[in-house]
Amino acid sequence: AGTDARRRALSGEAIWLGRLVASRLPEEPEALGLLSLMLYADARRPARRDAQGGFVPLAAQDPAVWDASLIDEAEALLSRANALPGLGRFQLEAAVQSAHVVRRRTGQPDWRAIAALYDVLLAMTRSPVVAVNRAIAVAEVHGPDAGLEALDAVAKDPRIETYQPFWAARAELAARCGDVAAAGEAYERAIGLESDPAARRF
């Protein structure tokens, strides 16, 4: 969330280590991709809370508050990684972030690119976390019904039962479909699984 000083210090340490690894392995695309991914995430930290400490979701964040220098560095690293042979998870995850920060220039993320990248990531990892993120992108491209269908495809995975973003996504998409009862139930699950007070209030 960016509000805990110890975690901010840990984030800085992680990025320092990422820079060290990338400097030692300058021809390793995944080392560059990982550093790029961390820089994209850190660049958005100032926008994750409003002046009162309230939670601000990615879609509502002001891109002008993002750290432009970190984003530019992340983009350059990702370009270097993509020019090297091989394709790994960190590169793909960084590419997703790049498609999100397109909003700085166009006013909206490149949802079609995000959905396509998550298709590749899901085939590579079979991760339920990736599946949830993919469902959100699918909803943006094809509508909330398609997003809910994509969530249903992983709903029986036991790892999803306590994964808060799954329930938050289900709540949002059910609400967009007009299913108030299902949205309310999913919001209750999401709130119950959330440990951050600001996100719970949101």
N, C-alpha and C. Protein backbone atom coordinates (compact mmCIF):
# COMPACT_ATOMS: atom_id res chain seq x y z
N ALA A 1 0.82 -1.21 0.00
CA ALA A 1 0.00 0.00 0.00
C ALA A 1 0.85 1.26 0.00
N GLY A 2 2.10 1.14 0.45
CA GLY A 2 2.98 2.29 0.44
C GLY A 2 2.90 3.15 1.68
N THR A 3 2.11 2.75 2.69
CA THR A 3 1.94 3.58 3.89
C THR A 3 2.77 3.09 5.06
N ASP A 4 3.33 1.91 4.98
CA ASP A 4 4.11 1.33 6.07
C ASP A 4 5.60 1.57 5.78
N ALA A 5 6.26 2.30 6.71
CA ALA A 5 7.66 2.69 6.47
C ALA A 5 8.56 1.47 6.32
N ARG A 6 8.27 0.41 7.11
CA ARG A 6 9.11 -0.79 7.01
C ARG A 6 8.96 -1.45 5.65
N ARG A 7 7.75 -1.48 5.14
CA ARG A 7 7.55 -2.10 3.82
C ARG A 7 8.13 -1.24 2.71
N ARG A 8 8.07 0.10 2.88
CA ARG A 8 8.71 0.96 1.89
C ARG A 8 10.20 0.69 1.84
N ALA A 9 10.81 0.50 3.03
CA ALA A 9 12.23 0.19 3.08
C ALA A 9 12.51 -1.15 2.42
N LEU A 10 11.64 -2.12 2.65
CA LEU A 10 11.80 -3.44 2.05
C LEU A 10 11.67 -3.35 0.53
N SER A 11 10.74 -2.53 0.07
CA SER A 11 10.58 -2.34 -1.37
C SER A 11 11.85 -1.75 -1.98
N GLY A 12 12.41 -0.76 -1.31
CA GLY A 12 13.65 -0.16 -1.80
C GLY A 12 14.79 -1.16 -1.83
N GLU A 13 14.85 -2.01 -0.82
CA GLU A 13 15.90 -3.04 -0.77
C GLU A 13 15.70 -4.04 -1.91
N ALA A 14 14.45 -4.42 -2.16
CA ALA A 14 14.18 -5.37 -3.24
C ALA A 14 14.60 -4.79 -4.59
N ILE A 15 14.29 -3.52 -4.81
CA ILE A 15 14.68 -2.89 -6.07
C ILE A 15 16.19 -2.79 -6.17
N TRP A 16 16.87 -2.47 -5.06
CA TRP A 16 18.33 -2.43 -5.08
C TRP A 16 18.90 -3.79 -5.48
N LEU A 17 18.34 -4.86 -4.89
CA LEU A 17 18.79 -6.20 -5.24
C LEU A 17 18.47 -6.52 -6.70
N GLY A 18 17.30 -6.09 -7.17
CA GLY A 18 16.95 -6.30 -8.57
C GLY A 18 17.92 -5.60 -9.51
N ARG A 19 18.33 -4.39 -9.14
CA ARG A 19 19.32 -3.67 -9.95
C ARG A 19 20.65 -4.41 -9.96
N LEU A 20 21.02 -4.95 -8.80
CA LEU A 20 22.29 -5.69 -8.71
C LEU A 20 22.26 -6.92 -9.61
N VAL A 21 21.16 -7.68 -9.54
CA VAL A 21 21.04 -8.88 -10.37
C VAL A 21 21.08 -8.51 -11.85
N ALA A 22 20.33 -7.45 -12.22
CA ALA A 22 20.30 -7.04 -13.63
C ALA A 22 21.67 -6.57 -14.11
N SER A 23 22.44 -5.94 -13.22
CA SER A 23 23.78 -5.49 -13.62
C SER A 23 24.73 -6.66 -13.80
N ARG A 24 24.51 -7.73 -13.03
CA ARG A 24 25.37 -8.92 -13.13
C ARG A 24 24.94 -9.83 -14.28
N LEU A 25 23.67 -9.74 -14.66
CA LEU A 25 23.13 -10.60 -15.72
C LEU A 25 22.46 -9.72 -16.79
N PRO A 26 23.21 -8.86 -17.43
CA PRO A 26 22.61 -7.89 -18.35
C PRO A 26 22.01 -8.52 -19.61
N GLU A 27 22.35 -9.79 -19.90
CA GLU A 27 21.79 -10.47 -21.07
C GLU A 27 20.72 -11.47 -20.68
N GLU A 28 20.28 -11.44 -19.43
CA GLU A 28 19.24 -12.36 -18.95
C GLU A 28 17.90 -11.62 -18.96
N PRO A 29 17.02 -11.96 -19.90
CA PRO A 29 15.78 -11.18 -20.03
C PRO A 29 14.90 -11.21 -18.78
N GLU A 30 14.92 -12.31 -18.05
CA GLU A 30 14.05 -12.38 -16.87
C GLU A 30 14.58 -11.51 -15.73
N ALA A 31 15.90 -11.32 -15.65
CA ALA A 31 16.45 -10.40 -14.65
C ALA A 31 16.00 -8.98 -14.96
N LEU A 32 16.05 -8.61 -16.24
CA LEU A 32 15.59 -7.29 -16.65
C LEU A 32 14.07 -7.16 -16.48
N GLY A 33 13.35 -8.23 -16.80
CA GLY A 33 11.90 -8.21 -16.67
C GLY A 33 11.46 -8.06 -15.22
N LEU A 34 12.15 -8.73 -14.31
CA LEU A 34 11.79 -8.63 -12.89
C LEU A 34 12.02 -7.22 -12.37
N LEU A 35 13.17 -6.65 -12.70
CA LEU A 35 13.43 -5.27 -12.25
C LEU A 35 12.41 -4.32 -12.85
N SER A 36 12.10 -4.50 -14.12
CA SER A 36 11.08 -3.67 -14.76
C SER A 36 9.75 -3.77 -14.02
N LEU A 37 9.34 -4.98 -13.70
CA LEU A 37 8.08 -5.21 -13.00
C LEU A 37 8.05 -4.50 -11.65
N MET A 38 9.15 -4.59 -10.89
CA MET A 38 9.20 -3.94 -9.58
C MET A 38 9.14 -2.42 -9.72
N LEU A 39 9.79 -1.88 -10.75
CA LEU A 39 9.78 -0.43 -10.94
C LEU A 39 8.39 0.07 -11.32
N TYR A 40 7.69 -0.67 -12.18
CA TYR A 40 6.31 -0.29 -12.50
C TYR A 40 5.46 -0.23 -11.24
N ALA A 41 5.59 -1.24 -10.39
CA ALA A 41 4.79 -1.29 -9.16
C ALA A 41 5.13 -0.14 -8.23
N ASP A 42 6.42 0.13 -8.07
CA ASP A 42 6.84 1.19 -7.17
C ASP A 42 6.45 2.56 -7.70
N ALA A 43 6.42 2.70 -9.02
CA ALA A 43 6.07 3.99 -9.62
C ALA A 43 4.66 4.42 -9.26
N ARG A 44 3.77 3.47 -9.03
CA ARG A 44 2.38 3.80 -8.74
C ARG A 44 2.10 3.97 -7.24
N ARG A 45 3.11 3.72 -6.42
CA ARG A 45 2.88 3.77 -4.97
C ARG A 45 2.30 5.11 -4.50
N PRO A 46 2.79 6.27 -4.99
CA PRO A 46 2.24 7.54 -4.48
C PRO A 46 0.76 7.74 -4.76
N ALA A 47 0.21 7.00 -5.73
CA ALA A 47 -1.19 7.20 -6.14
C ALA A 47 -2.15 6.23 -5.46
N ARG A 48 -1.63 5.32 -4.64
CA ARG A 48 -2.50 4.28 -4.07
C ARG A 48 -3.32 4.73 -2.88
N ARG A 49 -3.01 5.92 -2.36
CA ARG A 49 -3.78 6.49 -1.25
C ARG A 49 -4.10 7.95 -1.58
N ASP A 50 -5.27 8.41 -1.14
CA ASP A 50 -5.60 9.82 -1.32
C ASP A 50 -5.06 10.62 -0.13
N ALA A 51 -5.37 11.90 -0.09
CA ALA A 51 -4.81 12.77 0.95
C ALA A 51 -5.27 12.37 2.35
N GLN A 52 -6.42 11.69 2.44
CA GLN A 52 -6.93 11.25 3.73
C GLN A 52 -6.51 9.81 4.07
N GLY A 53 -5.69 9.21 3.23
CA GLY A 53 -5.25 7.84 3.47
C GLY A 53 -6.20 6.80 2.92
N GLY A 54 -7.20 7.22 2.15
CA GLY A 54 -8.15 6.27 1.58
C GLY A 54 -7.55 5.50 0.41
N PHE A 55 -8.03 4.27 0.24
CA PHE A 55 -7.57 3.40 -0.83
C PHE A 55 -8.04 3.93 -2.19
N VAL A 56 -7.13 3.96 -3.17
CA VAL A 56 -7.47 4.37 -4.53
C VAL A 56 -7.14 3.21 -5.46
N PRO A 57 -8.16 2.56 -6.06
CA PRO A 57 -7.87 1.44 -6.98
C PRO A 57 -7.16 1.93 -8.23
N LEU A 58 -6.52 1.01 -8.90
CA LEU A 58 -5.72 1.36 -10.07
C LEU A 58 -6.51 2.17 -11.09
N ALA A 59 -7.75 1.76 -11.36
CA ALA A 59 -8.55 2.43 -12.39
C ALA A 59 -8.86 3.88 -12.04
N ALA A 60 -8.83 4.21 -10.75
CA ALA A 60 -9.16 5.57 -10.32
C ALA A 60 -7.93 6.42 -10.03
N GLN A 61 -6.74 5.83 -10.14
CA GLN A 61 -5.53 6.58 -9.83
C GLN A 61 -5.25 7.64 -10.89
N ASP A 62 -4.69 8.75 -10.45
CA ASP A 62 -4.31 9.82 -11.36
C ASP A 62 -2.92 9.51 -11.92
N PRO A 63 -2.81 9.24 -13.21
CA PRO A 63 -1.49 8.92 -13.78
C PRO A 63 -0.45 10.01 -13.58
N ALA A 64 -0.91 11.25 -13.37
CA ALA A 64 0.04 12.34 -13.15
C ALA A 64 0.80 12.17 -11.84
N VAL A 65 0.26 11.37 -10.93
CA VAL A 65 0.90 11.14 -9.63
C VAL A 65 1.93 10.01 -9.72
N TRP A 66 1.82 9.17 -10.75
CA TRP A 66 2.80 8.09 -10.90
C TRP A 66 4.18 8.69 -11.13
N ASP A 67 5.19 7.95 -10.74
CA ASP A 67 6.57 8.41 -10.88
C ASP A 67 7.03 8.16 -12.33
N ALA A 68 7.06 9.22 -13.11
CA ALA A 68 7.36 9.10 -14.54
C ALA A 68 8.77 8.57 -14.79
N SER A 69 9.72 8.96 -13.95
CA SER A 69 11.11 8.51 -14.18
C SER A 69 11.23 7.00 -13.96
N LEU A 70 10.53 6.48 -12.95
CA LEU A 70 10.57 5.03 -12.73
C LEU A 70 9.88 4.29 -13.88
N ILE A 71 8.78 4.83 -14.37
CA ILE A 71 8.07 4.19 -15.49
C ILE A 71 8.96 4.19 -16.73
N ASP A 72 9.61 5.31 -16.99
CA ASP A 72 10.49 5.38 -18.17
C ASP A 72 11.62 4.36 -18.05
N GLU A 73 12.17 4.20 -16.84
CA GLU A 73 13.23 3.21 -16.64
C GLU A 73 12.69 1.80 -16.84
N ALA A 74 11.49 1.55 -16.31
CA ALA A 74 10.88 0.23 -16.47
C ALA A 74 10.63 -0.09 -17.94
N GLU A 75 10.17 0.90 -18.70
CA GLU A 75 9.90 0.69 -20.13
C GLU A 75 11.20 0.37 -20.88
N ALA A 76 12.27 1.08 -20.53
CA ALA A 76 13.55 0.84 -21.20
C ALA A 76 14.07 -0.56 -20.89
N LEU A 77 13.93 -0.98 -19.64
CA LEU A 77 14.37 -2.32 -19.25
C LEU A 77 13.56 -3.39 -19.98
N LEU A 78 12.25 -3.17 -20.06
CA LEU A 78 11.39 -4.14 -20.74
C LEU A 78 11.75 -4.22 -22.23
N SER A 79 12.05 -3.10 -22.85
CA SER A 79 12.47 -3.12 -24.26
C SER A 79 13.76 -3.90 -24.44
N ARG A 80 14.70 -3.71 -23.51
CA ARG A 80 15.95 -4.46 -23.57
C ARG A 80 15.68 -5.96 -23.41
N ALA A 81 14.82 -6.31 -22.47
CA ALA A 81 14.50 -7.72 -22.24
C ALA A 81 13.86 -8.34 -23.47
N ASN A 82 12.96 -7.60 -24.10
CA ASN A 82 12.24 -8.13 -25.26
C ASN A 82 13.13 -8.30 -26.48
N ALA A 83 14.24 -7.60 -26.48
CA ALA A 83 15.18 -7.72 -27.61
C ALA A 83 16.08 -8.94 -27.47
N LEU A 84 16.05 -9.59 -26.31
CA LEU A 84 16.89 -10.76 -26.07
C LEU A 84 16.10 -12.04 -26.35
N PRO A 85 16.77 -13.14 -26.65
CA PRO A 85 16.05 -14.39 -26.88
C PRO A 85 15.42 -14.93 -25.60
N GLY A 86 14.28 -15.55 -25.75
CA GLY A 86 13.59 -16.15 -24.61
C GLY A 86 12.46 -15.26 -24.12
N LEU A 87 11.48 -15.88 -23.49
CA LEU A 87 10.32 -15.16 -22.95
C LEU A 87 9.91 -15.84 -21.65
N GLY A 88 9.86 -15.06 -20.57
CA GLY A 88 9.52 -15.62 -19.27
C GLY A 88 8.40 -14.87 -18.58
N ARG A 89 8.04 -15.38 -17.43
CA ARG A 89 6.90 -14.84 -16.69
C ARG A 89 7.10 -13.37 -16.30
N PHE A 90 8.29 -13.02 -15.81
CA PHE A 90 8.49 -11.64 -15.36
C PHE A 90 8.37 -10.66 -16.51
N GLN A 91 8.88 -11.03 -17.68
CA GLN A 91 8.73 -10.17 -18.86
C GLN A 91 7.25 -9.95 -19.19
N LEU A 92 6.49 -11.04 -19.15
CA LEU A 92 5.07 -10.93 -19.48
C LEU A 92 4.33 -10.09 -18.46
N GLU A 93 4.65 -10.27 -17.18
CA GLU A 93 3.99 -9.48 -16.14
C GLU A 93 4.37 -8.01 -16.26
N ALA A 94 5.61 -7.74 -16.60
CA ALA A 94 6.02 -6.36 -16.82
C ALA A 94 5.31 -5.78 -18.04
N ALA A 95 5.12 -6.60 -19.07
CA ALA A 95 4.41 -6.13 -20.26
C ALA A 95 2.96 -5.77 -19.94
N VAL A 96 2.35 -6.52 -19.03
CA VAL A 96 1.00 -6.17 -18.58
C VAL A 96 1.00 -4.79 -17.94
N GLN A 97 1.99 -4.54 -17.10
CA GLN A 97 2.07 -3.23 -16.45
C GLN A 97 2.31 -2.12 -17.48
N SER A 98 3.10 -2.41 -18.49
CA SER A 98 3.33 -1.44 -19.55
C SER A 98 2.02 -1.10 -20.26
N ALA A 99 1.19 -2.11 -20.48
CA ALA A 99 -0.10 -1.88 -21.14
C ALA A 99 -1.04 -1.08 -20.25
N HIS A 100 -0.86 -1.17 -18.93
CA HIS A 100 -1.65 -0.35 -18.01
C HIS A 100 -1.20 1.11 -18.04
N VAL A 101 0.12 1.33 -18.06
CA VAL A 101 0.59 2.72 -17.98
C VAL A 101 0.45 3.46 -19.30
N VAL A 102 0.01 2.76 -20.34
CA VAL A 102 -0.36 3.45 -21.59
C VAL A 102 -1.40 4.53 -21.29
N ARG A 103 -2.12 4.36 -20.19
CA ARG A 103 -3.16 5.34 -19.80
C ARG A 103 -2.57 6.74 -19.62
N ARG A 104 -1.28 6.83 -19.36
CA ARG A 104 -0.65 8.16 -19.25
C ARG A 104 -0.82 8.96 -20.54
N ARG A 105 -0.80 8.25 -21.68
CA ARG A 105 -0.84 8.92 -22.99
C ARG A 105 -2.22 8.88 -23.63
N THR A 106 -2.95 7.79 -23.44
CA THR A 106 -4.20 7.60 -24.17
C THR A 106 -5.44 7.82 -23.32
N GLY A 107 -5.28 7.82 -21.99
CA GLY A 107 -6.44 7.97 -21.11
C GLY A 107 -7.04 6.65 -20.68
N GLN A 108 -6.61 5.55 -21.27
CA GLN A 108 -7.12 4.25 -20.84
C GLN A 108 -6.08 3.16 -21.10
N PRO A 109 -6.13 2.08 -20.30
CA PRO A 109 -5.20 0.97 -20.54
C PRO A 109 -5.50 0.28 -21.86
N ASP A 110 -4.53 -0.46 -22.36
CA ASP A 110 -4.73 -1.25 -23.57
C ASP A 110 -5.26 -2.62 -23.15
N TRP A 111 -6.58 -2.69 -22.95
CA TRP A 111 -7.17 -3.91 -22.38
C TRP A 111 -7.03 -5.11 -23.30
N ARG A 112 -7.06 -4.91 -24.60
CA ARG A 112 -6.90 -6.06 -25.51
C ARG A 112 -5.51 -6.66 -25.37
N ALA A 113 -4.50 -5.80 -25.27
CA ALA A 113 -3.15 -6.30 -25.06
C ALA A 113 -3.03 -7.00 -23.71
N ILE A 114 -3.65 -6.42 -22.68
CA ILE A 114 -3.59 -7.02 -21.34
C ILE A 114 -4.23 -8.41 -21.35
N ALA A 115 -5.39 -8.53 -21.97
CA ALA A 115 -6.06 -9.83 -22.05
C ALA A 115 -5.21 -10.84 -22.80
N ALA A 116 -4.60 -10.42 -23.90
CA ALA A 116 -3.76 -11.33 -24.70
C ALA A 116 -2.53 -11.77 -23.90
N LEU A 117 -1.93 -10.85 -23.16
CA LEU A 117 -0.77 -11.20 -22.34
C LEU A 117 -1.15 -12.18 -21.24
N TYR A 118 -2.31 -11.96 -20.64
CA TYR A 118 -2.76 -12.90 -19.61
C TYR A 118 -3.10 -14.27 -20.19
N ASP A 119 -3.55 -14.32 -21.43
CA ASP A 119 -3.76 -15.62 -22.09
C ASP A 119 -2.45 -16.41 -22.11
N VAL A 120 -1.35 -15.73 -22.50
CA VAL A 120 -0.05 -16.39 -22.57
C VAL A 120 0.43 -16.77 -21.17
N LEU A 121 0.27 -15.85 -20.21
CA LEU A 121 0.69 -16.12 -18.83
C LEU A 121 -0.06 -17.30 -18.24
N LEU A 122 -1.35 -17.37 -18.51
CA LEU A 122 -2.15 -18.47 -17.96
C LEU A 122 -1.71 -19.80 -18.56
N ALA A 123 -1.46 -19.83 -19.86
CA ALA A 123 -0.98 -21.06 -20.49
C ALA A 123 0.38 -21.46 -19.93
N MET A 124 1.20 -20.48 -19.57
CA MET A 124 2.54 -20.75 -19.05
C MET A 124 2.52 -21.23 -17.60
N THR A 125 1.63 -20.65 -16.77
CA THR A 125 1.70 -20.86 -15.32
C THR A 125 0.55 -21.67 -14.74
N ARG A 126 -0.60 -21.63 -15.38
CA ARG A 126 -1.84 -22.23 -14.83
C ARG A 126 -2.16 -21.66 -13.45
N SER A 127 -1.73 -20.45 -13.18
CA SER A 127 -1.91 -19.81 -11.88
C SER A 127 -3.33 -19.28 -11.74
N PRO A 128 -4.01 -19.59 -10.61
CA PRO A 128 -5.35 -19.02 -10.40
C PRO A 128 -5.32 -17.50 -10.24
N VAL A 129 -4.21 -16.96 -9.75
CA VAL A 129 -4.07 -15.51 -9.64
C VAL A 129 -4.08 -14.89 -11.04
N VAL A 130 -3.33 -15.47 -11.94
CA VAL A 130 -3.32 -15.00 -13.33
C VAL A 130 -4.72 -15.14 -13.93
N ALA A 131 -5.40 -16.23 -13.62
CA ALA A 131 -6.74 -16.45 -14.16
C ALA A 131 -7.71 -15.37 -13.71
N VAL A 132 -7.60 -14.93 -12.46
CA VAL A 132 -8.47 -13.86 -11.96
C VAL A 132 -8.17 -12.56 -12.68
N ASN A 133 -6.88 -12.24 -12.81
CA ASN A 133 -6.51 -11.01 -13.52
C ASN A 133 -6.95 -11.05 -14.98
N ARG A 134 -6.83 -12.23 -15.59
CA ARG A 134 -7.27 -12.39 -16.98
C ARG A 134 -8.78 -12.13 -17.08
N ALA A 135 -9.55 -12.64 -16.12
CA ALA A 135 -11.00 -12.46 -16.14
C ALA A 135 -11.39 -10.99 -16.11
N ILE A 136 -10.65 -10.21 -15.33
CA ILE A 136 -10.92 -8.77 -15.26
C ILE A 136 -10.66 -8.13 -16.62
N ALA A 137 -9.56 -8.51 -17.26
CA ALA A 137 -9.25 -7.98 -18.58
C ALA A 137 -10.29 -8.41 -19.61
N VAL A 138 -10.70 -9.67 -19.53
CA VAL A 138 -11.74 -10.17 -20.44
C VAL A 138 -13.02 -9.36 -20.29
N ALA A 139 -13.37 -9.03 -19.05
CA ALA A 139 -14.57 -8.22 -18.80
C ALA A 139 -14.46 -6.85 -19.44
N GLU A 140 -13.28 -6.26 -19.42
CA GLU A 140 -13.10 -4.95 -20.02
C GLU A 140 -13.20 -5.00 -21.54
N VAL A 141 -12.81 -6.14 -22.13
CA VAL A 141 -12.84 -6.27 -23.58
C VAL A 141 -14.19 -6.76 -24.08
N HIS A 142 -14.76 -7.75 -23.37
CA HIS A 142 -15.95 -8.44 -23.88
C HIS A 142 -17.19 -8.26 -23.00
N GLY A 143 -17.08 -7.54 -21.90
CA GLY A 143 -18.23 -7.29 -21.04
C GLY A 143 -18.21 -8.12 -19.77
N PRO A 144 -18.97 -7.68 -18.75
CA PRO A 144 -18.93 -8.34 -17.43
C PRO A 144 -19.40 -9.79 -17.44
N ASP A 145 -20.35 -10.14 -18.32
CA ASP A 145 -20.79 -11.54 -18.39
C ASP A 145 -19.64 -12.46 -18.78
N ALA A 146 -18.84 -12.03 -19.75
CA ALA A 146 -17.68 -12.82 -20.17
C ALA A 146 -16.65 -12.90 -19.05
N GLY A 147 -16.49 -11.82 -18.30
CA GLY A 147 -15.58 -11.85 -17.17
C GLY A 147 -16.01 -12.81 -16.09
N LEU A 148 -17.31 -12.82 -15.79
CA LEU A 148 -17.83 -13.76 -14.79
C LEU A 148 -17.66 -15.21 -15.25
N GLU A 149 -17.87 -15.44 -16.53
CA GLU A 149 -17.67 -16.79 -17.07
C GLU A 149 -16.21 -17.23 -16.90
N ALA A 150 -15.28 -16.30 -17.12
CA ALA A 150 -13.87 -16.62 -16.93
C ALA A 150 -13.56 -16.88 -15.45
N LEU A 151 -14.20 -16.14 -14.54
CA LEU A 151 -14.01 -16.40 -13.11
C LEU A 151 -14.58 -17.76 -12.73
N ASP A 152 -15.73 -18.11 -13.30
CA ASP A 152 -16.35 -19.41 -12.99
C ASP A 152 -15.42 -20.56 -13.35
N ALA A 153 -14.58 -20.36 -14.36
CA ALA A 153 -13.69 -21.42 -14.80
C ALA A 153 -12.66 -21.80 -13.75
N VAL A 154 -12.38 -20.88 -12.80
CA VAL A 154 -11.40 -21.19 -11.75
C VAL A 154 -12.02 -21.20 -10.36
N ALA A 155 -13.34 -21.05 -10.27
CA ALA A 155 -14.00 -20.89 -8.97
C ALA A 155 -13.83 -22.11 -8.07
N LYS A 156 -13.66 -23.30 -8.66
CA LYS A 156 -13.54 -24.52 -7.86
C LYS A 156 -12.11 -24.80 -7.41
N ASP A 157 -11.17 -24.00 -7.84
CA ASP A 157 -9.79 -24.18 -7.39
C ASP A 157 -9.72 -23.84 -5.90
N PRO A 158 -9.26 -24.76 -5.05
CA PRO A 158 -9.26 -24.49 -3.60
C PRO A 158 -8.42 -23.29 -3.20
N ARG A 159 -7.47 -22.92 -4.03
CA ARG A 159 -6.63 -21.76 -3.70
C ARG A 159 -7.40 -20.45 -3.84
N ILE A 160 -8.52 -20.48 -4.51
CA ILE A 160 -9.33 -19.28 -4.74
C ILE A 160 -10.20 -18.95 -3.54
N GLU A 161 -10.51 -19.95 -2.74
CA GLU A 161 -11.47 -19.79 -1.64
C GLU A 161 -11.15 -18.60 -0.75
N THR A 162 -9.88 -18.40 -0.46
CA THR A 162 -9.49 -17.31 0.44
C THR A 162 -8.69 -16.22 -0.29
N TYR A 163 -8.82 -16.16 -1.60
CA TYR A 163 -8.09 -15.15 -2.39
C TYR A 163 -8.99 -13.94 -2.57
N GLN A 164 -8.72 -12.89 -1.83
CA GLN A 164 -9.60 -11.73 -1.78
C GLN A 164 -9.89 -11.11 -3.15
N PRO A 165 -8.87 -10.93 -4.02
CA PRO A 165 -9.18 -10.30 -5.32
C PRO A 165 -10.20 -11.07 -6.16
N PHE A 166 -10.28 -12.39 -5.99
CA PHE A 166 -11.29 -13.15 -6.71
C PHE A 166 -12.69 -12.67 -6.32
N TRP A 167 -12.92 -12.52 -5.01
CA TRP A 167 -14.24 -12.11 -4.54
C TRP A 167 -14.51 -10.65 -4.86
N ALA A 168 -13.49 -9.81 -4.81
CA ALA A 168 -13.68 -8.41 -5.19
C ALA A 168 -14.04 -8.30 -6.67
N ALA A 169 -13.35 -9.08 -7.50
CA ALA A 169 -13.66 -9.07 -8.93
C ALA A 169 -15.06 -9.60 -9.20
N ARG A 170 -15.42 -10.70 -8.52
CA ARG A 170 -16.76 -11.26 -8.71
C ARG A 170 -17.83 -10.25 -8.29
N ALA A 171 -17.59 -9.55 -7.19
CA ALA A 171 -18.55 -8.56 -6.72
C ALA A 171 -18.74 -7.45 -7.74
N GLU A 172 -17.64 -6.92 -8.23
CA GLU A 172 -17.69 -5.82 -9.19
C GLU A 172 -18.41 -6.24 -10.47
N LEU A 173 -18.08 -7.42 -10.98
CA LEU A 173 -18.68 -7.85 -12.24
C LEU A 173 -20.15 -8.21 -12.06
N ALA A 174 -20.50 -8.83 -10.92
CA ALA A 174 -21.91 -9.13 -10.66
C ALA A 174 -22.72 -7.83 -10.55
N ALA A 175 -22.13 -6.83 -9.91
CA ALA A 175 -22.81 -5.54 -9.80
C ALA A 175 -23.03 -4.93 -11.18
N ARG A 176 -22.01 -5.02 -12.04
CA ARG A 176 -22.13 -4.47 -13.38
C ARG A 176 -23.18 -5.22 -14.20
N CYS A 177 -23.41 -6.49 -13.85
CA CYS A 177 -24.45 -7.27 -14.54
C CYS A 177 -25.84 -7.04 -13.94
N GLY A 178 -25.91 -6.29 -12.82
CA GLY A 178 -27.18 -6.02 -12.18
C GLY A 178 -27.63 -7.08 -11.19
N ASP A 179 -26.76 -8.04 -10.87
CA ASP A 179 -27.10 -9.10 -9.91
C ASP A 179 -26.72 -8.62 -8.51
N VAL A 180 -27.64 -7.88 -7.88
CA VAL A 180 -27.35 -7.23 -6.60
C VAL A 180 -27.07 -8.25 -5.51
N ALA A 181 -27.84 -9.34 -5.47
CA ALA A 181 -27.66 -10.34 -4.42
C ALA A 181 -26.28 -10.99 -4.50
N ALA A 182 -25.90 -11.42 -5.70
CA ALA A 182 -24.60 -12.06 -5.87
C ALA A 182 -23.47 -11.07 -5.58
N ALA A 183 -23.66 -9.83 -5.99
CA ALA A 183 -22.64 -8.81 -5.72
C ALA A 183 -22.49 -8.60 -4.23
N GLY A 184 -23.60 -8.50 -3.52
CA GLY A 184 -23.54 -8.28 -2.07
C GLY A 184 -22.83 -9.41 -1.35
N GLU A 185 -23.14 -10.63 -1.75
CA GLU A 185 -22.50 -11.79 -1.12
C GLU A 185 -20.99 -11.79 -1.39
N ALA A 186 -20.62 -11.49 -2.62
CA ALA A 186 -19.19 -11.48 -2.95
C ALA A 186 -18.47 -10.32 -2.27
N TYR A 187 -19.13 -9.16 -2.16
CA TYR A 187 -18.50 -8.04 -1.45
C TYR A 187 -18.27 -8.40 0.02
N GLU A 188 -19.22 -9.08 0.63
CA GLU A 188 -19.04 -9.49 2.03
C GLU A 188 -17.82 -10.41 2.17
N ARG A 189 -17.68 -11.34 1.24
CA ARG A 189 -16.51 -12.23 1.28
C ARG A 189 -15.23 -11.44 1.10
N ALA A 190 -15.24 -10.51 0.14
CA ALA A 190 -14.04 -9.71 -0.14
C ALA A 190 -13.65 -8.87 1.06
N ILE A 191 -14.63 -8.23 1.69
CA ILE A 191 -14.36 -7.39 2.86
C ILE A 191 -13.83 -8.23 4.01
N GLY A 192 -14.42 -9.41 4.20
CA GLY A 192 -13.98 -10.29 5.28
C GLY A 192 -12.56 -10.80 5.11
N LEU A 193 -12.11 -10.91 3.87
CA LEU A 193 -10.77 -11.42 3.60
C LEU A 193 -9.71 -10.33 3.52
N GLU A 194 -10.14 -9.07 3.55
CA GLU A 194 -9.20 -7.95 3.40
C GLU A 194 -8.65 -7.51 4.76
N SER A 195 -7.33 -7.42 4.87
CA SER A 195 -6.72 -7.02 6.15
C SER A 195 -6.41 -5.53 6.22
N ASP A 196 -6.34 -4.85 5.07
CA ASP A 196 -6.03 -3.43 5.05
C ASP A 196 -7.29 -2.62 5.36
N PRO A 197 -7.31 -1.86 6.47
CA PRO A 197 -8.52 -1.12 6.84
C PRO A 197 -9.01 -0.16 5.74
N ALA A 198 -8.08 0.49 5.04
CA ALA A 198 -8.47 1.43 3.99
C ALA A 198 -9.17 0.70 2.85
N ALA A 199 -8.65 -0.46 2.47
CA ALA A 199 -9.29 -1.24 1.40
C ALA A 199 -10.63 -1.79 1.87
N ARG A 200 -10.72 -2.16 3.13
CA ARG A 200 -12.02 -2.63 3.66
C ARG A 200 -13.07 -1.52 3.58
N ARG A 201 -12.67 -0.30 3.94
CA ARG A 201 -13.61 0.82 3.88
C ARG A 201 -14.03 1.07 2.43
N PHE A 202 -13.08 0.99 1.51
CA PHE A 202 -13.41 1.18 0.10
C PHE A 202 -14.43 0.15 -0.36
